[in-house]
């Protein structure tokens, strides 16, 4: 009985999640959704900075790990 209630709970949570995010769209009359797409987000603005910070963090972590071993 416990397994069956767990399955029911899981099914409820999955279908409740789908129903919460599946809302109706704006129909433009031609079959497509109305409205323009938002402009794309620029992800490459700070890409070099993020790579540099990631490398610094990696070197710091490796140095700290080596000191901990010795």
N, C-alpha and C. Protein backbone atom coordinates (compact mmCIF):
# COMPACT_ATOMS: atom_id res chain seq x y z
N UNK A 1 0.82 -1.19 0.00
CA UNK A 1 0.00 0.00 0.00
C UNK A 1 0.87 1.26 0.00
N UNK A 2 2.02 1.21 0.70
CA UNK A 2 2.90 2.37 0.73
C UNK A 2 3.46 2.66 -0.65
N UNK A 3 3.81 1.61 -1.41
CA UNK A 3 4.36 1.82 -2.73
C UNK A 3 3.34 2.46 -3.66
N UNK A 4 2.10 2.04 -3.54
CA UNK A 4 1.04 2.58 -4.38
C UNK A 4 0.80 4.06 -4.08
N UNK A 5 0.84 4.43 -2.82
CA UNK A 5 0.64 5.84 -2.47
C UNK A 5 1.82 6.69 -2.94
N UNK A 6 3.03 6.13 -2.94
CA UNK A 6 4.18 6.86 -3.45
C UNK A 6 4.05 7.08 -4.95
N UNK A 7 3.55 6.09 -5.66
CA UNK A 7 3.36 6.23 -7.10
C UNK A 7 2.30 7.30 -7.39
N UNK A 8 1.20 7.29 -6.64
CA UNK A 8 0.17 8.30 -6.81
C UNK A 8 0.70 9.70 -6.52
N UNK A 9 1.49 9.82 -5.47
CA UNK A 9 2.06 11.12 -5.13
C UNK A 9 3.01 11.60 -6.22
N UNK A 10 3.84 10.71 -6.73
CA UNK A 10 4.76 11.08 -7.80
C UNK A 10 3.99 11.50 -9.05
N UNK A 11 2.97 10.74 -9.42
CA UNK A 11 2.17 11.09 -10.59
C UNK A 11 1.48 12.44 -10.40
N UNK A 12 0.97 12.70 -9.23
CA UNK A 12 0.32 13.98 -8.96
C UNK A 12 1.31 15.13 -9.09
N UNK A 13 2.50 14.97 -8.53
CA UNK A 13 3.49 16.05 -8.60
C UNK A 13 3.95 16.30 -10.03
N UNK A 14 4.11 15.25 -10.81
CA UNK A 14 4.55 15.41 -12.20
C UNK A 14 3.47 16.12 -13.01
N UNK A 15 2.21 15.66 -12.89
CA UNK A 15 1.15 16.26 -13.67
C UNK A 15 0.78 17.66 -13.17
N UNK A 16 0.94 17.92 -11.90
CA UNK A 16 0.68 19.26 -11.39
C UNK A 16 1.73 20.23 -11.92
N UNK A 17 2.97 19.78 -12.05
CA UNK A 17 4.03 20.61 -12.58
C UNK A 17 3.77 20.93 -14.05
N UNK A 18 3.36 19.94 -14.81
CA UNK A 18 3.08 20.16 -16.22
C UNK A 18 1.91 21.13 -16.38
N UNK A 19 0.88 20.96 -15.59
CA UNK A 19 -0.29 21.83 -15.70
C UNK A 19 0.02 23.26 -15.26
N UNK A 20 0.95 23.43 -14.35
CA UNK A 20 1.28 24.76 -13.86
C UNK A 20 2.02 25.57 -14.93
N UNK A 21 2.83 24.93 -15.75
CA UNK A 21 3.63 25.66 -16.73
C UNK A 21 3.03 25.65 -18.13
N UNK A 22 2.02 24.85 -18.38
CA UNK A 22 1.42 24.78 -19.72
C UNK A 22 0.22 25.70 -19.77
N UNK A 23 0.46 26.95 -20.05
CA UNK A 23 -0.63 27.92 -20.14
C UNK A 23 -0.95 28.25 -21.58
N UNK A 24 -2.11 28.81 -21.83
CA UNK A 24 -2.47 29.16 -23.20
C UNK A 24 -1.65 30.34 -23.70
N UNK A 25 -1.38 30.33 -24.99
CA UNK A 25 -0.62 31.42 -25.59
C UNK A 25 -1.53 32.41 -26.27
N UNK A 26 -0.97 33.46 -26.80
CA UNK A 26 -1.73 34.46 -27.55
C UNK A 26 -1.77 34.04 -29.01
N UNK A 27 -2.94 33.78 -29.51
CA UNK A 27 -3.09 33.35 -30.90
C UNK A 27 -3.24 34.57 -31.79
N UNK A 28 -2.48 34.61 -32.89
CA UNK A 28 -2.57 35.75 -33.80
C UNK A 28 -3.55 35.53 -34.95
N UNK A 29 -4.29 34.44 -34.93
CA UNK A 29 -5.27 34.17 -35.96
C UNK A 29 -4.73 33.34 -37.12
N UNK A 30 -3.45 33.28 -37.29
CA UNK A 30 -2.85 32.51 -38.38
C UNK A 30 -2.29 31.18 -37.92
N UNK A 31 -2.53 30.82 -36.70
CA UNK A 31 -2.03 29.55 -36.18
C UNK A 31 -0.78 29.69 -35.34
N UNK A 32 -0.08 30.82 -35.43
CA UNK A 32 1.12 31.02 -34.64
C UNK A 32 0.82 31.82 -33.40
N UNK A 33 1.77 31.92 -32.53
CA UNK A 33 1.61 32.73 -31.33
C UNK A 33 1.93 34.18 -31.65
N UNK A 34 1.16 35.07 -31.10
CA UNK A 34 1.36 36.49 -31.37
C UNK A 34 2.50 37.06 -30.57
N UNK A 35 2.96 38.19 -30.97
CA UNK A 35 4.02 38.88 -30.25
C UNK A 35 5.38 38.59 -30.85
N UNK A 36 6.30 39.49 -30.59
CA UNK A 36 7.67 39.32 -31.08
C UNK A 36 8.50 38.60 -30.05
N UNK A 37 9.55 37.96 -30.53
CA UNK A 37 10.48 37.31 -29.61
C UNK A 37 11.32 38.36 -28.91
N UNK A 38 11.67 38.12 -27.66
CA UNK A 38 12.56 39.08 -26.98
C UNK A 38 13.96 39.00 -27.58
N UNK A 39 14.72 40.07 -27.47
CA UNK A 39 16.08 40.03 -28.01
C UNK A 39 16.94 39.02 -27.24
N UNK A 40 17.89 38.40 -27.92
CA UNK A 40 18.71 37.40 -27.24
C UNK A 40 19.61 38.05 -26.18
N UNK A 41 19.89 37.30 -25.14
CA UNK A 41 20.75 37.80 -24.06
C UNK A 41 22.21 37.65 -24.47
N UNK A 42 23.01 38.69 -24.31
CA UNK A 42 24.43 38.60 -24.68
C UNK A 42 25.21 37.85 -23.59
N UNK A 43 25.65 36.64 -23.91
CA UNK A 43 26.37 35.86 -22.91
C UNK A 43 27.88 36.00 -23.04
N UNK A 44 28.34 36.61 -24.12
CA UNK A 44 29.77 36.68 -24.34
C UNK A 44 30.40 37.96 -23.80
N UNK A 45 29.64 38.79 -23.10
CA UNK A 45 30.17 40.06 -22.62
C UNK A 45 31.30 39.85 -21.61
N UNK A 46 31.09 39.00 -20.64
CA UNK A 46 32.08 38.77 -19.59
C UNK A 46 32.67 37.37 -19.67
N UNK A 47 32.67 36.76 -20.85
CA UNK A 47 33.14 35.40 -20.99
C UNK A 47 34.63 35.27 -20.67
N UNK A 48 35.45 36.16 -21.16
CA UNK A 48 36.90 36.12 -20.90
C UNK A 48 37.16 36.31 -19.41
N UNK A 49 36.44 37.22 -18.79
CA UNK A 49 36.60 37.45 -17.35
C UNK A 49 36.22 36.21 -16.55
N UNK A 50 35.13 35.55 -16.94
CA UNK A 50 34.69 34.35 -16.22
C UNK A 50 35.70 33.20 -16.39
N UNK A 51 36.27 33.07 -17.57
CA UNK A 51 37.29 32.03 -17.78
C UNK A 51 38.51 32.31 -16.91
N UNK A 52 38.92 33.57 -16.86
CA UNK A 52 40.07 33.94 -16.02
C UNK A 52 39.80 33.68 -14.54
N UNK A 53 38.61 34.04 -14.07
CA UNK A 53 38.27 33.79 -12.67
C UNK A 53 38.19 32.29 -12.38
N UNK A 54 37.69 31.52 -13.34
CA UNK A 54 37.64 30.07 -13.17
C UNK A 54 39.03 29.46 -13.07
N UNK A 55 39.96 29.94 -13.90
CA UNK A 55 41.34 29.45 -13.82
C UNK A 55 42.00 29.84 -12.50
N UNK A 56 41.75 31.06 -12.06
CA UNK A 56 42.30 31.49 -10.76
C UNK A 56 41.76 30.63 -9.63
N UNK A 57 40.50 30.34 -9.66
CA UNK A 57 39.90 29.49 -8.64
C UNK A 57 40.48 28.08 -8.68
N UNK A 58 40.72 27.56 -9.89
CA UNK A 58 41.30 26.22 -10.03
C UNK A 58 42.72 26.19 -9.46
N UNK A 59 43.54 27.19 -9.79
CA UNK A 59 44.90 27.23 -9.26
C UNK A 59 44.90 27.39 -7.74
N UNK A 60 44.01 28.21 -7.22
CA UNK A 60 43.90 28.40 -5.78
C UNK A 60 43.51 27.09 -5.09
N UNK A 61 42.54 26.40 -5.67
CA UNK A 61 42.09 25.14 -5.07
C UNK A 61 43.19 24.08 -5.11
N UNK A 62 43.91 24.00 -6.22
CA UNK A 62 45.00 23.03 -6.32
C UNK A 62 46.11 23.35 -5.33
N UNK A 63 46.46 24.61 -5.19
CA UNK A 63 47.51 25.01 -4.25
C UNK A 63 47.09 24.70 -2.81
N UNK A 64 45.82 24.97 -2.49
CA UNK A 64 45.32 24.70 -1.15
C UNK A 64 45.31 23.19 -0.88
N UNK A 65 44.94 22.39 -1.91
CA UNK A 65 44.91 20.93 -1.76
C UNK A 65 46.32 20.38 -1.56
N UNK A 66 47.30 20.91 -2.31
CA UNK A 66 48.68 20.45 -2.17
C UNK A 66 49.24 20.78 -0.79
N UNK A 67 48.90 21.97 -0.26
CA UNK A 67 49.37 22.33 1.08
C UNK A 67 48.74 21.44 2.14
N UNK A 68 47.51 21.03 1.91
CA UNK A 68 46.81 20.18 2.87
C UNK A 68 47.43 18.78 2.90
N UNK A 69 47.92 18.29 1.76
CA UNK A 69 48.52 16.96 1.70
C UNK A 69 49.87 16.97 2.41
N UNK A 70 50.67 18.01 2.19
CA UNK A 70 52.01 18.06 2.78
C UNK A 70 51.98 18.43 4.20
